[in-house]
N, C-alpha and C. Protein backbone atom coordinates (compact mmCIF):
# COMPACT_ATOMS: atom_id res chain seq x y z
N UNK A 1 115.54 -63.73 -171.72
CA UNK A 1 114.06 -63.96 -171.71
C UNK A 1 113.52 -62.64 -171.22
N UNK A 2 112.50 -62.08 -171.91
CA UNK A 2 111.95 -60.73 -171.54
C UNK A 2 110.92 -60.85 -170.30
N UNK A 3 110.91 -59.80 -169.54
CA UNK A 3 109.87 -59.86 -168.40
C UNK A 3 108.52 -60.16 -168.70
N UNK A 4 108.03 -59.53 -169.84
CA UNK A 4 106.63 -59.75 -170.33
C UNK A 4 106.38 -61.24 -170.52
N UNK A 5 107.36 -61.95 -171.12
CA UNK A 5 107.15 -63.33 -171.37
C UNK A 5 107.12 -64.07 -170.05
N UNK A 6 107.98 -63.76 -169.14
CA UNK A 6 108.16 -64.51 -167.85
C UNK A 6 106.90 -64.35 -167.07
N UNK A 7 106.18 -63.22 -167.23
CA UNK A 7 104.98 -62.98 -166.48
C UNK A 7 103.91 -64.03 -166.76
N UNK A 8 104.04 -64.59 -167.97
CA UNK A 8 102.96 -65.53 -168.42
C UNK A 8 103.38 -66.94 -168.12
N UNK A 9 104.54 -67.18 -167.55
CA UNK A 9 104.93 -68.47 -167.31
C UNK A 9 104.93 -68.87 -165.78
N UNK A 10 104.48 -70.08 -165.45
CA UNK A 10 104.40 -70.53 -164.11
C UNK A 10 105.77 -71.05 -163.71
N UNK A 11 106.37 -70.58 -162.53
CA UNK A 11 107.61 -71.09 -162.14
C UNK A 11 108.40 -69.98 -161.51
N UNK A 12 109.73 -70.16 -161.25
CA UNK A 12 110.61 -69.32 -160.56
C UNK A 12 111.66 -68.73 -161.55
N UNK A 13 111.83 -67.40 -161.46
CA UNK A 13 112.74 -66.72 -162.38
C UNK A 13 113.76 -65.96 -161.56
N UNK A 14 114.80 -65.64 -162.28
CA UNK A 14 115.97 -64.80 -161.71
C UNK A 14 116.23 -63.63 -162.58
N UNK A 15 116.38 -62.52 -162.00
CA UNK A 15 116.91 -61.25 -162.67
C UNK A 15 118.34 -61.08 -162.24
N UNK A 16 119.26 -60.97 -163.06
CA UNK A 16 120.75 -60.84 -162.77
C UNK A 16 121.33 -59.55 -163.45
N UNK A 17 121.90 -58.76 -162.47
CA UNK A 17 122.61 -57.54 -162.92
C UNK A 17 124.02 -57.90 -163.38
N UNK A 18 124.30 -57.74 -164.60
CA UNK A 18 125.62 -58.13 -165.10
C UNK A 18 126.70 -57.27 -164.74
N UNK A 19 126.39 -56.06 -164.27
CA UNK A 19 127.39 -55.11 -163.80
C UNK A 19 127.84 -55.31 -162.32
N UNK A 20 126.81 -55.42 -161.53
CA UNK A 20 127.02 -55.55 -160.03
C UNK A 20 127.09 -57.01 -159.55
N UNK A 21 126.52 -57.91 -160.31
CA UNK A 21 126.36 -59.32 -159.85
C UNK A 21 125.20 -59.56 -158.86
N UNK A 22 124.37 -58.43 -158.67
CA UNK A 22 123.18 -58.59 -157.80
C UNK A 22 122.06 -59.30 -158.48
N UNK A 23 121.23 -59.92 -157.72
CA UNK A 23 120.15 -60.82 -158.27
C UNK A 23 118.77 -60.54 -157.59
N UNK A 24 117.78 -60.97 -158.25
CA UNK A 24 116.39 -60.97 -157.78
C UNK A 24 115.74 -62.26 -158.04
N UNK A 25 115.06 -62.90 -157.14
CA UNK A 25 114.38 -64.09 -157.31
C UNK A 25 112.96 -64.04 -157.05
N UNK A 26 112.05 -64.50 -157.86
CA UNK A 26 110.58 -64.42 -157.71
C UNK A 26 109.77 -65.43 -158.44
N UNK A 27 108.52 -65.60 -158.07
CA UNK A 27 107.68 -66.60 -158.76
C UNK A 27 106.62 -65.77 -159.65
N UNK A 28 106.69 -64.51 -159.67
CA UNK A 28 105.77 -63.75 -160.47
C UNK A 28 106.31 -62.29 -160.53
N UNK A 29 106.38 -61.70 -161.61
CA UNK A 29 106.82 -60.36 -161.74
C UNK A 29 105.75 -59.35 -161.40
N UNK A 30 105.76 -58.80 -160.29
CA UNK A 30 104.76 -57.91 -159.90
C UNK A 30 105.41 -56.50 -159.54
N UNK A 31 106.64 -56.40 -159.83
CA UNK A 31 107.37 -55.11 -159.65
C UNK A 31 108.24 -55.08 -158.40
N UNK A 32 109.37 -54.63 -158.50
CA UNK A 32 110.22 -54.52 -157.33
C UNK A 32 111.01 -53.17 -157.43
N UNK A 33 110.95 -52.42 -156.42
CA UNK A 33 111.56 -51.06 -156.44
C UNK A 33 112.94 -51.02 -156.58
N UNK A 34 113.70 -51.94 -155.96
CA UNK A 34 115.06 -51.99 -156.08
C UNK A 34 115.62 -52.38 -157.50
N UNK A 35 114.83 -53.33 -158.05
CA UNK A 35 115.23 -53.69 -159.44
C UNK A 35 114.89 -52.62 -160.42
N UNK A 36 113.72 -51.93 -160.19
CA UNK A 36 113.46 -50.81 -161.10
C UNK A 36 114.52 -49.74 -161.02
N UNK A 37 114.99 -49.45 -159.89
CA UNK A 37 115.92 -48.34 -159.71
C UNK A 37 117.21 -48.86 -160.35
N UNK A 38 117.52 -50.03 -160.14
CA UNK A 38 118.77 -50.59 -160.72
C UNK A 38 118.78 -50.54 -162.29
N UNK A 39 117.60 -50.98 -162.88
CA UNK A 39 117.43 -50.93 -164.27
C UNK A 39 117.56 -49.50 -164.82
N UNK A 40 116.90 -48.60 -164.09
CA UNK A 40 117.02 -47.14 -164.49
C UNK A 40 118.50 -46.65 -164.42
N UNK A 41 119.27 -47.16 -163.50
CA UNK A 41 120.68 -46.74 -163.33
C UNK A 41 121.55 -47.37 -164.38
N UNK A 42 121.41 -48.70 -164.53
CA UNK A 42 122.39 -49.42 -165.40
C UNK A 42 121.89 -49.77 -166.81
N UNK A 43 120.61 -49.61 -167.04
CA UNK A 43 120.00 -49.88 -168.36
C UNK A 43 119.54 -51.35 -168.47
N UNK A 44 118.49 -51.58 -169.12
CA UNK A 44 117.89 -52.95 -169.28
C UNK A 44 118.76 -53.90 -169.91
N UNK A 45 119.60 -53.44 -170.82
CA UNK A 45 120.62 -54.29 -171.57
C UNK A 45 121.57 -54.99 -170.74
N UNK A 46 121.73 -54.43 -169.47
CA UNK A 46 122.67 -54.96 -168.52
C UNK A 46 122.04 -55.93 -167.51
N UNK A 47 120.85 -56.47 -167.91
CA UNK A 47 120.19 -57.42 -167.05
C UNK A 47 119.87 -58.72 -167.71
N UNK A 48 120.02 -59.83 -167.02
CA UNK A 48 119.58 -61.12 -167.65
C UNK A 48 118.37 -61.60 -166.98
N UNK A 49 117.37 -62.16 -167.68
CA UNK A 49 116.06 -62.58 -167.21
C UNK A 49 116.17 -64.07 -167.52
N UNK A 50 116.13 -64.86 -166.40
CA UNK A 50 116.26 -66.40 -166.54
C UNK A 50 115.26 -67.03 -165.83
N UNK A 51 114.65 -68.07 -166.44
CA UNK A 51 113.68 -68.99 -165.65
C UNK A 51 114.49 -70.10 -165.00
N UNK A 52 114.49 -70.09 -163.72
CA UNK A 52 115.26 -71.19 -162.93
C UNK A 52 114.44 -72.46 -163.03
N UNK A 53 113.15 -72.42 -162.94
CA UNK A 53 112.40 -73.68 -162.92
C UNK A 53 110.95 -73.36 -163.41
N UNK A 54 110.47 -74.02 -164.48
CA UNK A 54 109.07 -73.97 -164.82
C UNK A 54 108.14 -74.93 -164.09
N UNK A 55 106.97 -74.50 -163.83
CA UNK A 55 106.05 -75.38 -163.18
C UNK A 55 104.68 -75.34 -163.89
N UNK A 56 104.32 -76.52 -164.38
CA UNK A 56 103.18 -76.67 -165.29
C UNK A 56 101.86 -76.49 -164.42
N UNK A 57 100.91 -75.92 -165.00
CA UNK A 57 99.63 -75.83 -164.28
C UNK A 57 98.81 -77.13 -164.35
N UNK A 58 97.99 -77.32 -163.35
CA UNK A 58 97.22 -78.53 -163.28
C UNK A 58 96.29 -78.63 -164.50
N UNK A 59 96.36 -79.76 -165.27
CA UNK A 59 95.56 -79.79 -166.53
C UNK A 59 93.99 -79.73 -166.30
N UNK A 60 93.58 -79.95 -165.03
CA UNK A 60 92.03 -79.94 -164.79
C UNK A 60 91.70 -78.57 -164.25
N UNK A 61 92.50 -77.99 -163.36
CA UNK A 61 92.03 -76.63 -162.78
C UNK A 61 92.64 -75.54 -163.45
N UNK A 62 93.75 -75.80 -164.18
CA UNK A 62 94.43 -74.72 -164.95
C UNK A 62 95.19 -73.80 -164.02
N UNK A 63 95.38 -74.26 -162.66
CA UNK A 63 96.18 -73.41 -161.77
C UNK A 63 97.42 -74.10 -161.38
N UNK A 64 98.48 -73.30 -160.96
CA UNK A 64 99.63 -73.78 -160.60
C UNK A 64 99.67 -74.18 -159.07
N UNK A 65 100.36 -75.23 -158.66
CA UNK A 65 100.40 -75.56 -157.22
C UNK A 65 101.12 -74.47 -156.47
N UNK A 66 100.40 -73.64 -155.65
CA UNK A 66 100.99 -72.47 -154.97
C UNK A 66 101.95 -73.01 -153.99
N UNK A 67 101.68 -74.11 -153.28
CA UNK A 67 102.55 -74.53 -152.18
C UNK A 67 103.93 -74.93 -152.80
N UNK A 68 103.89 -75.64 -154.07
CA UNK A 68 105.12 -76.07 -154.63
C UNK A 68 105.91 -74.83 -155.06
N UNK A 69 105.17 -73.90 -155.58
CA UNK A 69 105.89 -72.58 -156.05
C UNK A 69 106.59 -71.91 -154.83
N UNK A 70 105.88 -71.85 -153.76
CA UNK A 70 106.47 -71.20 -152.57
C UNK A 70 107.68 -71.99 -152.13
N UNK A 71 107.55 -73.38 -152.11
CA UNK A 71 108.72 -74.16 -151.76
C UNK A 71 109.89 -73.85 -152.63
N UNK A 72 109.68 -73.80 -153.95
CA UNK A 72 110.78 -73.61 -154.84
C UNK A 72 111.32 -72.17 -154.65
N UNK A 73 110.45 -71.26 -154.51
CA UNK A 73 110.94 -69.81 -154.34
C UNK A 73 111.80 -69.67 -153.13
N UNK A 74 111.31 -70.29 -151.99
CA UNK A 74 112.12 -70.28 -150.72
C UNK A 74 113.48 -70.94 -150.86
N UNK A 75 113.43 -72.04 -151.67
CA UNK A 75 114.65 -72.75 -151.91
C UNK A 75 115.72 -71.89 -152.62
N UNK A 76 115.25 -71.22 -153.67
CA UNK A 76 116.11 -70.37 -154.46
C UNK A 76 116.52 -69.10 -153.68
N UNK A 77 115.70 -68.61 -152.85
CA UNK A 77 115.97 -67.43 -152.12
C UNK A 77 117.11 -67.78 -151.09
N UNK A 78 116.98 -68.95 -150.45
CA UNK A 78 118.04 -69.33 -149.51
C UNK A 78 119.35 -69.68 -150.30
N UNK A 79 119.22 -70.22 -151.46
CA UNK A 79 120.38 -70.68 -152.28
C UNK A 79 121.17 -69.63 -152.71
N UNK A 80 120.56 -68.58 -153.37
CA UNK A 80 121.24 -67.43 -153.96
C UNK A 80 121.43 -66.16 -153.12
N UNK A 81 120.63 -66.11 -151.95
CA UNK A 81 120.61 -64.90 -151.23
C UNK A 81 120.56 -63.66 -152.06
N UNK A 82 119.49 -63.45 -152.81
CA UNK A 82 119.40 -62.40 -153.83
C UNK A 82 119.30 -61.00 -153.13
N UNK A 83 120.23 -60.10 -153.53
CA UNK A 83 120.38 -58.82 -152.91
C UNK A 83 119.13 -57.87 -153.05
N UNK A 84 118.43 -58.14 -154.22
CA UNK A 84 117.28 -57.20 -154.52
C UNK A 84 116.03 -57.66 -153.80
N UNK A 85 116.00 -58.86 -153.17
CA UNK A 85 114.81 -59.28 -152.42
C UNK A 85 114.92 -58.71 -151.01
N UNK A 86 113.83 -58.04 -150.63
CA UNK A 86 113.75 -57.50 -149.27
C UNK A 86 113.53 -58.64 -148.23
N UNK A 87 112.63 -59.54 -148.56
CA UNK A 87 112.32 -60.62 -147.61
C UNK A 87 113.23 -61.81 -148.05
N UNK A 88 113.60 -62.60 -147.05
CA UNK A 88 114.52 -63.72 -147.30
C UNK A 88 113.72 -64.90 -147.69
N UNK A 89 112.33 -64.92 -147.23
CA UNK A 89 111.53 -66.12 -147.56
C UNK A 89 110.20 -65.48 -148.11
N UNK A 90 109.66 -66.12 -149.10
CA UNK A 90 108.42 -65.60 -149.69
C UNK A 90 107.22 -65.72 -148.80
N UNK A 91 107.12 -66.75 -148.05
CA UNK A 91 106.20 -66.99 -147.01
C UNK A 91 106.66 -67.95 -146.01
N UNK A 92 106.27 -68.07 -144.76
CA UNK A 92 106.75 -69.05 -143.86
C UNK A 92 106.13 -70.37 -144.23
N UNK A 93 106.70 -71.41 -143.75
CA UNK A 93 106.17 -72.78 -144.08
C UNK A 93 105.76 -73.44 -142.75
N UNK A 94 105.30 -72.61 -141.69
CA UNK A 94 104.89 -73.24 -140.51
C UNK A 94 103.65 -74.19 -140.73
N UNK A 95 103.72 -75.44 -140.13
CA UNK A 95 102.70 -76.41 -140.22
C UNK A 95 102.37 -76.87 -141.61
N UNK A 96 103.28 -76.71 -142.57
CA UNK A 96 102.97 -77.24 -143.89
C UNK A 96 103.75 -78.48 -144.13
N UNK A 97 103.06 -79.52 -144.50
CA UNK A 97 103.67 -80.77 -144.73
C UNK A 97 103.97 -81.06 -146.24
N UNK A 98 105.24 -81.23 -146.56
CA UNK A 98 105.63 -81.28 -147.97
C UNK A 98 105.50 -82.85 -148.48
N UNK A 99 105.02 -83.02 -149.62
CA UNK A 99 104.89 -84.39 -150.14
C UNK A 99 106.29 -84.87 -150.55
N UNK A 100 106.40 -86.14 -150.77
CA UNK A 100 107.67 -86.80 -151.21
C UNK A 100 108.08 -86.28 -152.60
N UNK A 101 106.95 -86.08 -153.37
CA UNK A 101 107.11 -85.72 -154.73
C UNK A 101 107.77 -84.29 -154.64
N UNK A 102 107.25 -83.36 -153.88
CA UNK A 102 107.87 -82.05 -153.70
C UNK A 102 109.29 -82.09 -153.36
N UNK A 103 109.57 -82.98 -152.27
CA UNK A 103 110.98 -83.04 -151.82
C UNK A 103 111.94 -83.50 -152.95
N UNK A 104 111.44 -84.50 -153.70
CA UNK A 104 112.23 -85.05 -154.80
C UNK A 104 112.50 -84.04 -155.85
N UNK A 105 111.53 -83.22 -156.13
CA UNK A 105 111.73 -82.16 -157.21
C UNK A 105 112.72 -81.14 -156.70
N UNK A 106 112.65 -80.82 -155.40
CA UNK A 106 113.67 -79.85 -154.86
C UNK A 106 115.05 -80.43 -154.72
N UNK A 107 115.18 -81.78 -154.52
CA UNK A 107 116.52 -82.37 -154.67
C UNK A 107 117.03 -82.38 -156.04
N UNK A 108 116.15 -82.59 -157.04
CA UNK A 108 116.61 -82.62 -158.40
C UNK A 108 116.85 -81.17 -159.06
N UNK A 109 116.24 -80.21 -158.47
CA UNK A 109 116.10 -78.99 -159.08
C UNK A 109 117.34 -78.23 -159.39
N UNK A 110 118.22 -78.20 -158.50
CA UNK A 110 119.51 -77.58 -158.66
C UNK A 110 120.57 -78.45 -159.34
N UNK A 111 120.41 -78.76 -160.59
CA UNK A 111 121.20 -79.72 -161.28
C UNK A 111 122.50 -79.06 -161.72
N UNK A 112 123.42 -79.88 -162.22
CA UNK A 112 124.63 -79.32 -162.68
C UNK A 112 124.45 -78.41 -163.91
N UNK A 113 123.33 -78.65 -164.70
CA UNK A 113 123.03 -77.72 -165.79
C UNK A 113 122.67 -76.38 -165.19
N UNK A 114 121.90 -76.30 -164.14
CA UNK A 114 121.52 -75.11 -163.52
C UNK A 114 122.69 -74.35 -162.98
N UNK A 115 123.61 -75.12 -162.39
CA UNK A 115 124.80 -74.45 -161.84
C UNK A 115 125.60 -73.78 -163.00
N UNK A 116 125.59 -74.56 -164.08
CA UNK A 116 126.36 -74.01 -165.27
C UNK A 116 125.76 -72.73 -165.83
N UNK A 117 124.39 -72.69 -165.78
CA UNK A 117 123.65 -71.46 -166.23
C UNK A 117 124.00 -70.32 -165.44
N UNK A 118 124.07 -70.45 -164.08
CA UNK A 118 124.30 -69.32 -163.22
C UNK A 118 125.72 -68.93 -163.23
N UNK A 119 126.69 -70.01 -163.32
CA UNK A 119 128.04 -69.69 -163.31
C UNK A 119 128.45 -68.90 -164.64
N UNK A 120 127.75 -69.28 -165.71
CA UNK A 120 128.13 -68.65 -167.00
C UNK A 120 127.82 -67.15 -167.04
N UNK A 121 126.97 -66.66 -166.03
CA UNK A 121 126.61 -65.27 -166.12
C UNK A 121 127.84 -64.47 -165.74
N UNK A 122 128.79 -64.92 -164.95
CA UNK A 122 129.94 -64.19 -164.50
C UNK A 122 131.09 -64.29 -165.59
N UNK A 123 131.01 -65.15 -166.42
CA UNK A 123 132.09 -65.41 -167.40
C UNK A 123 132.12 -64.17 -168.43
N UNK A 124 133.26 -63.80 -168.76
CA UNK A 124 133.37 -62.69 -169.73
C UNK A 124 133.50 -61.36 -169.08
N UNK A 125 133.32 -61.27 -167.73
CA UNK A 125 133.51 -60.00 -167.03
C UNK A 125 134.91 -59.70 -166.81
N UNK A 126 135.36 -58.47 -167.15
CA UNK A 126 136.66 -58.10 -167.04
C UNK A 126 137.12 -57.74 -165.61
N UNK A 127 138.01 -58.46 -165.01
CA UNK A 127 138.40 -58.20 -163.65
C UNK A 127 139.77 -57.43 -163.78
N UNK A 128 139.92 -56.42 -162.87
CA UNK A 128 141.24 -55.69 -162.84
C UNK A 128 142.30 -56.63 -162.41
N UNK A 129 143.55 -56.23 -162.72
CA UNK A 129 144.70 -57.00 -162.34
C UNK A 129 144.73 -57.12 -160.77
N UNK A 130 144.43 -56.06 -160.10
CA UNK A 130 144.45 -55.99 -158.61
C UNK A 130 143.43 -57.08 -158.11
N UNK A 131 142.23 -57.10 -158.73
CA UNK A 131 141.19 -58.05 -158.20
C UNK A 131 141.75 -59.58 -158.49
N UNK A 132 142.33 -59.71 -159.64
CA UNK A 132 142.88 -61.07 -159.96
C UNK A 132 143.94 -61.53 -159.00
N UNK A 133 144.74 -60.63 -158.64
CA UNK A 133 145.85 -60.91 -157.65
C UNK A 133 145.34 -61.21 -156.24
N UNK A 134 144.24 -60.44 -155.88
CA UNK A 134 143.60 -60.72 -154.57
C UNK A 134 142.96 -62.11 -154.52
N UNK A 135 142.32 -62.51 -155.65
CA UNK A 135 141.75 -63.80 -155.79
C UNK A 135 142.83 -64.92 -155.66
N UNK A 136 143.87 -64.66 -156.39
CA UNK A 136 144.93 -65.65 -156.48
C UNK A 136 145.61 -65.84 -155.11
N UNK A 137 145.93 -64.78 -154.36
CA UNK A 137 146.52 -64.83 -153.09
C UNK A 137 145.55 -65.49 -152.08
N UNK A 138 144.32 -65.25 -152.23
CA UNK A 138 143.29 -65.83 -151.27
C UNK A 138 143.24 -67.40 -151.51
N UNK A 139 143.41 -67.79 -152.81
CA UNK A 139 143.38 -69.22 -153.15
C UNK A 139 144.60 -69.90 -152.62
N UNK A 140 145.80 -69.18 -152.73
CA UNK A 140 146.96 -69.77 -152.21
C UNK A 140 146.96 -69.92 -150.71
N UNK A 141 146.46 -68.92 -149.95
CA UNK A 141 146.51 -69.09 -148.55
C UNK A 141 145.51 -70.08 -148.06
N UNK A 142 144.40 -70.37 -148.88
CA UNK A 142 143.45 -71.37 -148.50
C UNK A 142 144.03 -72.80 -148.61
N UNK A 143 144.73 -73.01 -149.59
CA UNK A 143 145.32 -74.32 -149.77
C UNK A 143 144.22 -75.43 -150.12
N UNK A 144 144.72 -76.68 -150.40
CA UNK A 144 143.75 -77.70 -150.76
C UNK A 144 142.74 -78.06 -149.72
N UNK A 145 141.51 -78.35 -150.01
CA UNK A 145 140.47 -78.70 -148.99
C UNK A 145 140.56 -80.14 -148.66
N UNK A 146 140.71 -80.47 -147.37
CA UNK A 146 140.82 -81.87 -146.94
C UNK A 146 139.51 -82.55 -147.16
N UNK A 147 139.56 -83.93 -147.16
CA UNK A 147 138.40 -84.75 -147.43
C UNK A 147 137.38 -84.51 -146.30
N UNK A 148 137.98 -84.35 -145.08
CA UNK A 148 137.05 -84.11 -143.91
C UNK A 148 136.33 -82.77 -144.11
N UNK A 149 137.04 -81.73 -144.55
CA UNK A 149 136.41 -80.41 -144.81
C UNK A 149 135.35 -80.59 -145.90
N UNK A 150 135.61 -81.22 -146.96
CA UNK A 150 134.76 -81.48 -148.03
C UNK A 150 133.40 -82.13 -147.56
N UNK A 151 133.61 -83.16 -146.77
CA UNK A 151 132.34 -83.78 -146.21
C UNK A 151 131.53 -82.92 -145.35
N UNK A 152 132.29 -82.11 -144.53
CA UNK A 152 131.59 -81.17 -143.56
C UNK A 152 130.74 -80.18 -144.38
N UNK A 153 131.39 -79.68 -145.46
CA UNK A 153 130.72 -78.67 -146.33
C UNK A 153 129.45 -79.26 -146.92
N UNK A 154 129.60 -80.46 -147.35
CA UNK A 154 128.44 -81.18 -147.94
C UNK A 154 127.32 -81.33 -146.94
N UNK A 155 127.76 -81.83 -145.68
CA UNK A 155 126.81 -81.97 -144.63
C UNK A 155 126.14 -80.73 -144.25
N UNK A 156 126.86 -79.58 -144.24
CA UNK A 156 126.25 -78.43 -143.76
C UNK A 156 125.10 -77.92 -144.71
N UNK A 157 125.08 -78.38 -145.95
CA UNK A 157 124.09 -77.95 -146.96
C UNK A 157 122.70 -78.64 -146.75
N UNK A 158 122.57 -79.52 -145.86
CA UNK A 158 121.35 -80.41 -145.66
C UNK A 158 120.30 -79.44 -145.24
N UNK A 159 119.15 -79.38 -145.92
CA UNK A 159 117.96 -78.59 -145.44
C UNK A 159 117.38 -79.43 -144.09
N UNK A 160 116.78 -78.69 -143.19
CA UNK A 160 116.30 -79.27 -141.95
C UNK A 160 114.91 -78.71 -141.72
N UNK A 161 114.22 -79.44 -140.75
CA UNK A 161 113.07 -78.96 -140.17
C UNK A 161 113.38 -78.91 -138.62
N UNK A 162 112.96 -77.77 -138.00
CA UNK A 162 113.13 -77.68 -136.54
C UNK A 162 111.78 -77.21 -135.95
N UNK A 163 111.65 -77.70 -134.68
CA UNK A 163 110.42 -77.31 -134.02
C UNK A 163 110.67 -77.35 -132.55
N UNK A 164 109.64 -77.00 -131.75
CA UNK A 164 109.64 -77.03 -130.28
C UNK A 164 109.71 -78.47 -129.87
N UNK A 165 110.38 -78.82 -128.81
CA UNK A 165 110.61 -80.18 -128.31
C UNK A 165 109.15 -80.95 -128.04
N UNK A 166 108.18 -80.17 -127.76
CA UNK A 166 106.87 -80.79 -127.48
C UNK A 166 106.09 -81.09 -128.76
N UNK A 167 106.53 -80.65 -129.91
CA UNK A 167 105.89 -80.83 -131.18
C UNK A 167 106.55 -82.00 -131.91
N UNK A 168 106.26 -83.25 -131.32
CA UNK A 168 106.88 -84.45 -131.80
C UNK A 168 106.47 -84.86 -133.26
N UNK A 169 105.27 -84.29 -133.61
CA UNK A 169 104.77 -84.65 -134.99
C UNK A 169 105.36 -83.68 -135.99
N UNK A 170 106.08 -82.70 -135.57
CA UNK A 170 106.66 -81.61 -136.50
C UNK A 170 105.54 -80.85 -137.21
N UNK A 171 104.36 -80.82 -136.67
CA UNK A 171 103.23 -80.15 -137.35
C UNK A 171 103.36 -78.54 -137.44
N UNK A 172 104.27 -78.00 -136.58
CA UNK A 172 104.55 -76.68 -136.49
C UNK A 172 106.03 -76.36 -136.95
N UNK A 173 106.57 -77.22 -137.61
CA UNK A 173 108.05 -77.12 -137.87
C UNK A 173 108.29 -75.94 -138.78
N UNK A 174 109.54 -75.45 -138.70
CA UNK A 174 110.11 -74.40 -139.50
C UNK A 174 111.18 -74.98 -140.42
N UNK A 175 111.04 -74.57 -141.68
CA UNK A 175 111.98 -75.09 -142.70
C UNK A 175 113.30 -74.18 -142.55
N UNK A 176 114.35 -74.94 -142.54
CA UNK A 176 115.74 -74.23 -142.50
C UNK A 176 116.58 -74.81 -143.71
N UNK A 177 117.17 -73.94 -144.38
CA UNK A 177 117.80 -74.33 -145.74
C UNK A 177 119.03 -75.12 -145.55
N UNK A 178 119.76 -74.89 -144.37
CA UNK A 178 120.93 -75.75 -144.12
C UNK A 178 121.20 -75.80 -142.53
N UNK A 179 122.28 -76.55 -142.19
CA UNK A 179 122.64 -76.74 -140.83
C UNK A 179 123.06 -75.45 -140.16
N UNK A 180 123.81 -74.63 -140.88
CA UNK A 180 124.24 -73.34 -140.42
C UNK A 180 123.19 -72.42 -140.06
N UNK A 181 122.15 -72.32 -140.93
CA UNK A 181 121.05 -71.42 -140.75
C UNK A 181 120.27 -71.94 -139.45
N UNK A 182 120.08 -73.22 -139.33
CA UNK A 182 119.42 -73.84 -138.15
C UNK A 182 120.19 -73.59 -136.86
N UNK A 183 121.50 -73.68 -136.91
CA UNK A 183 122.31 -73.39 -135.66
C UNK A 183 122.24 -72.06 -135.34
N UNK A 184 122.26 -71.06 -136.23
CA UNK A 184 122.15 -69.70 -135.91
C UNK A 184 120.76 -69.34 -135.31
N UNK A 185 119.68 -70.02 -135.82
CA UNK A 185 118.34 -69.69 -135.35
C UNK A 185 118.20 -70.24 -133.91
N UNK A 186 118.76 -71.39 -133.66
CA UNK A 186 118.63 -72.03 -132.30
C UNK A 186 119.60 -71.38 -131.28
N UNK A 187 120.73 -70.96 -131.84
CA UNK A 187 121.75 -70.40 -130.97
C UNK A 187 122.76 -71.40 -130.47
N UNK A 188 123.26 -72.15 -131.49
CA UNK A 188 124.30 -73.25 -131.08
C UNK A 188 125.20 -73.37 -132.22
N UNK A 189 126.17 -74.30 -132.14
CA UNK A 189 127.11 -74.42 -133.27
C UNK A 189 126.67 -75.71 -134.15
N UNK A 190 127.26 -75.72 -135.35
CA UNK A 190 126.71 -76.74 -136.30
C UNK A 190 127.10 -78.17 -135.86
N UNK A 191 128.11 -78.27 -135.10
CA UNK A 191 128.42 -79.66 -134.53
C UNK A 191 127.27 -80.16 -133.55
N UNK A 192 126.60 -79.27 -132.85
CA UNK A 192 125.56 -79.67 -132.02
C UNK A 192 124.37 -80.24 -132.83
N UNK A 193 124.14 -79.53 -133.98
CA UNK A 193 123.09 -79.87 -134.86
C UNK A 193 123.34 -81.35 -135.42
N UNK A 194 124.53 -81.49 -135.89
CA UNK A 194 124.93 -82.75 -136.57
C UNK A 194 124.89 -83.89 -135.46
N UNK A 195 125.29 -83.73 -134.33
CA UNK A 195 125.21 -84.70 -133.32
C UNK A 195 123.75 -85.09 -133.04
N UNK A 196 122.90 -84.09 -133.05
CA UNK A 196 121.50 -84.34 -132.70
C UNK A 196 120.77 -85.13 -133.86
N UNK A 197 121.21 -84.80 -135.06
CA UNK A 197 120.68 -85.57 -136.20
C UNK A 197 120.95 -87.09 -136.21
N UNK A 198 122.22 -87.29 -135.68
CA UNK A 198 122.72 -88.71 -135.55
C UNK A 198 122.07 -89.43 -134.35
N UNK A 199 121.52 -88.66 -133.38
CA UNK A 199 121.00 -89.17 -132.20
C UNK A 199 119.50 -89.15 -132.18
N UNK A 200 118.95 -88.47 -131.23
CA UNK A 200 117.38 -88.38 -131.08
C UNK A 200 116.84 -87.12 -131.66
N UNK A 201 117.60 -86.22 -132.14
CA UNK A 201 117.13 -84.96 -132.74
C UNK A 201 116.85 -83.82 -131.72
N UNK A 202 117.21 -84.10 -130.43
CA UNK A 202 117.02 -83.05 -129.35
C UNK A 202 118.30 -82.16 -129.44
N UNK A 203 117.96 -80.80 -129.36
CA UNK A 203 118.93 -79.77 -129.31
C UNK A 203 118.68 -78.93 -128.06
N UNK A 204 119.64 -78.75 -127.14
CA UNK A 204 119.46 -77.87 -125.92
C UNK A 204 118.24 -78.11 -125.17
N UNK A 205 117.73 -79.37 -125.19
CA UNK A 205 116.46 -79.74 -124.41
C UNK A 205 115.37 -78.93 -124.79
N UNK A 206 115.37 -78.13 -125.85
CA UNK A 206 114.24 -77.26 -126.15
C UNK A 206 113.77 -77.51 -127.56
N UNK A 207 114.65 -78.02 -128.43
CA UNK A 207 114.28 -78.07 -129.89
C UNK A 207 114.42 -79.55 -130.46
N UNK A 208 113.68 -79.78 -131.46
CA UNK A 208 113.78 -81.03 -132.22
C UNK A 208 114.21 -80.69 -133.62
N UNK A 209 115.18 -81.46 -134.20
CA UNK A 209 115.58 -81.17 -135.55
C UNK A 209 115.50 -82.59 -136.32
N UNK A 210 115.18 -82.48 -137.56
CA UNK A 210 115.39 -83.69 -138.39
C UNK A 210 115.72 -83.30 -139.77
N UNK A 211 116.17 -84.28 -140.60
CA UNK A 211 116.60 -83.99 -142.01
C UNK A 211 115.28 -83.85 -142.84
N UNK A 212 115.27 -82.74 -143.55
CA UNK A 212 114.07 -82.36 -144.33
C UNK A 212 113.85 -83.32 -145.50
N UNK A 213 114.87 -83.70 -146.20
CA UNK A 213 114.77 -84.43 -147.48
C UNK A 213 114.66 -85.93 -147.19
N UNK A 214 114.83 -86.44 -146.01
CA UNK A 214 114.66 -87.75 -145.71
C UNK A 214 113.74 -88.06 -144.56
N UNK A 215 112.89 -87.19 -144.28
CA UNK A 215 111.97 -87.41 -143.09
C UNK A 215 110.66 -88.09 -143.58
């Protein structure tokens, strides 16, 4: 999909460098110095332009819901950790209350189909024998994942809201994409966060945490 066409579409897009595997995520093509330099170096033919999620404009106002766009953009920024993005979040979400409709859209957004689209970008790349052997050895050392480890990995991917312990209404809450990000922000381990989620949500007597998608 060409950049000129993407510019006219409401939604979130991804630019993927087929040579280096580096990515850029955005909600509008307004220019990015790192992407431009990469295109100059590798050639436009080595980049894929993909729309991750389209967002229709309101039929009455003709405008796109900016809050929802920012939510989606932040979601994909945290999901892909794109190397060409200087900022990790498009804007902060302090004090912003998300509707249940928005939460459900974010739950549904990263579907199996979307995973397949992103995964297919790497297919067909020629890996050296040395690289293949390193991958094989790493897989052998890793061994099969236990059921406990699988459940822990799934649990760690839960997005959260965190706030000061005095902010019981979560009106000034900060969005965290997963448990590990929240633990790093607070300065504790992931087990502490999970215990708090199962109890009263209090962490280190200073913070409140709660599940973002089920609050």
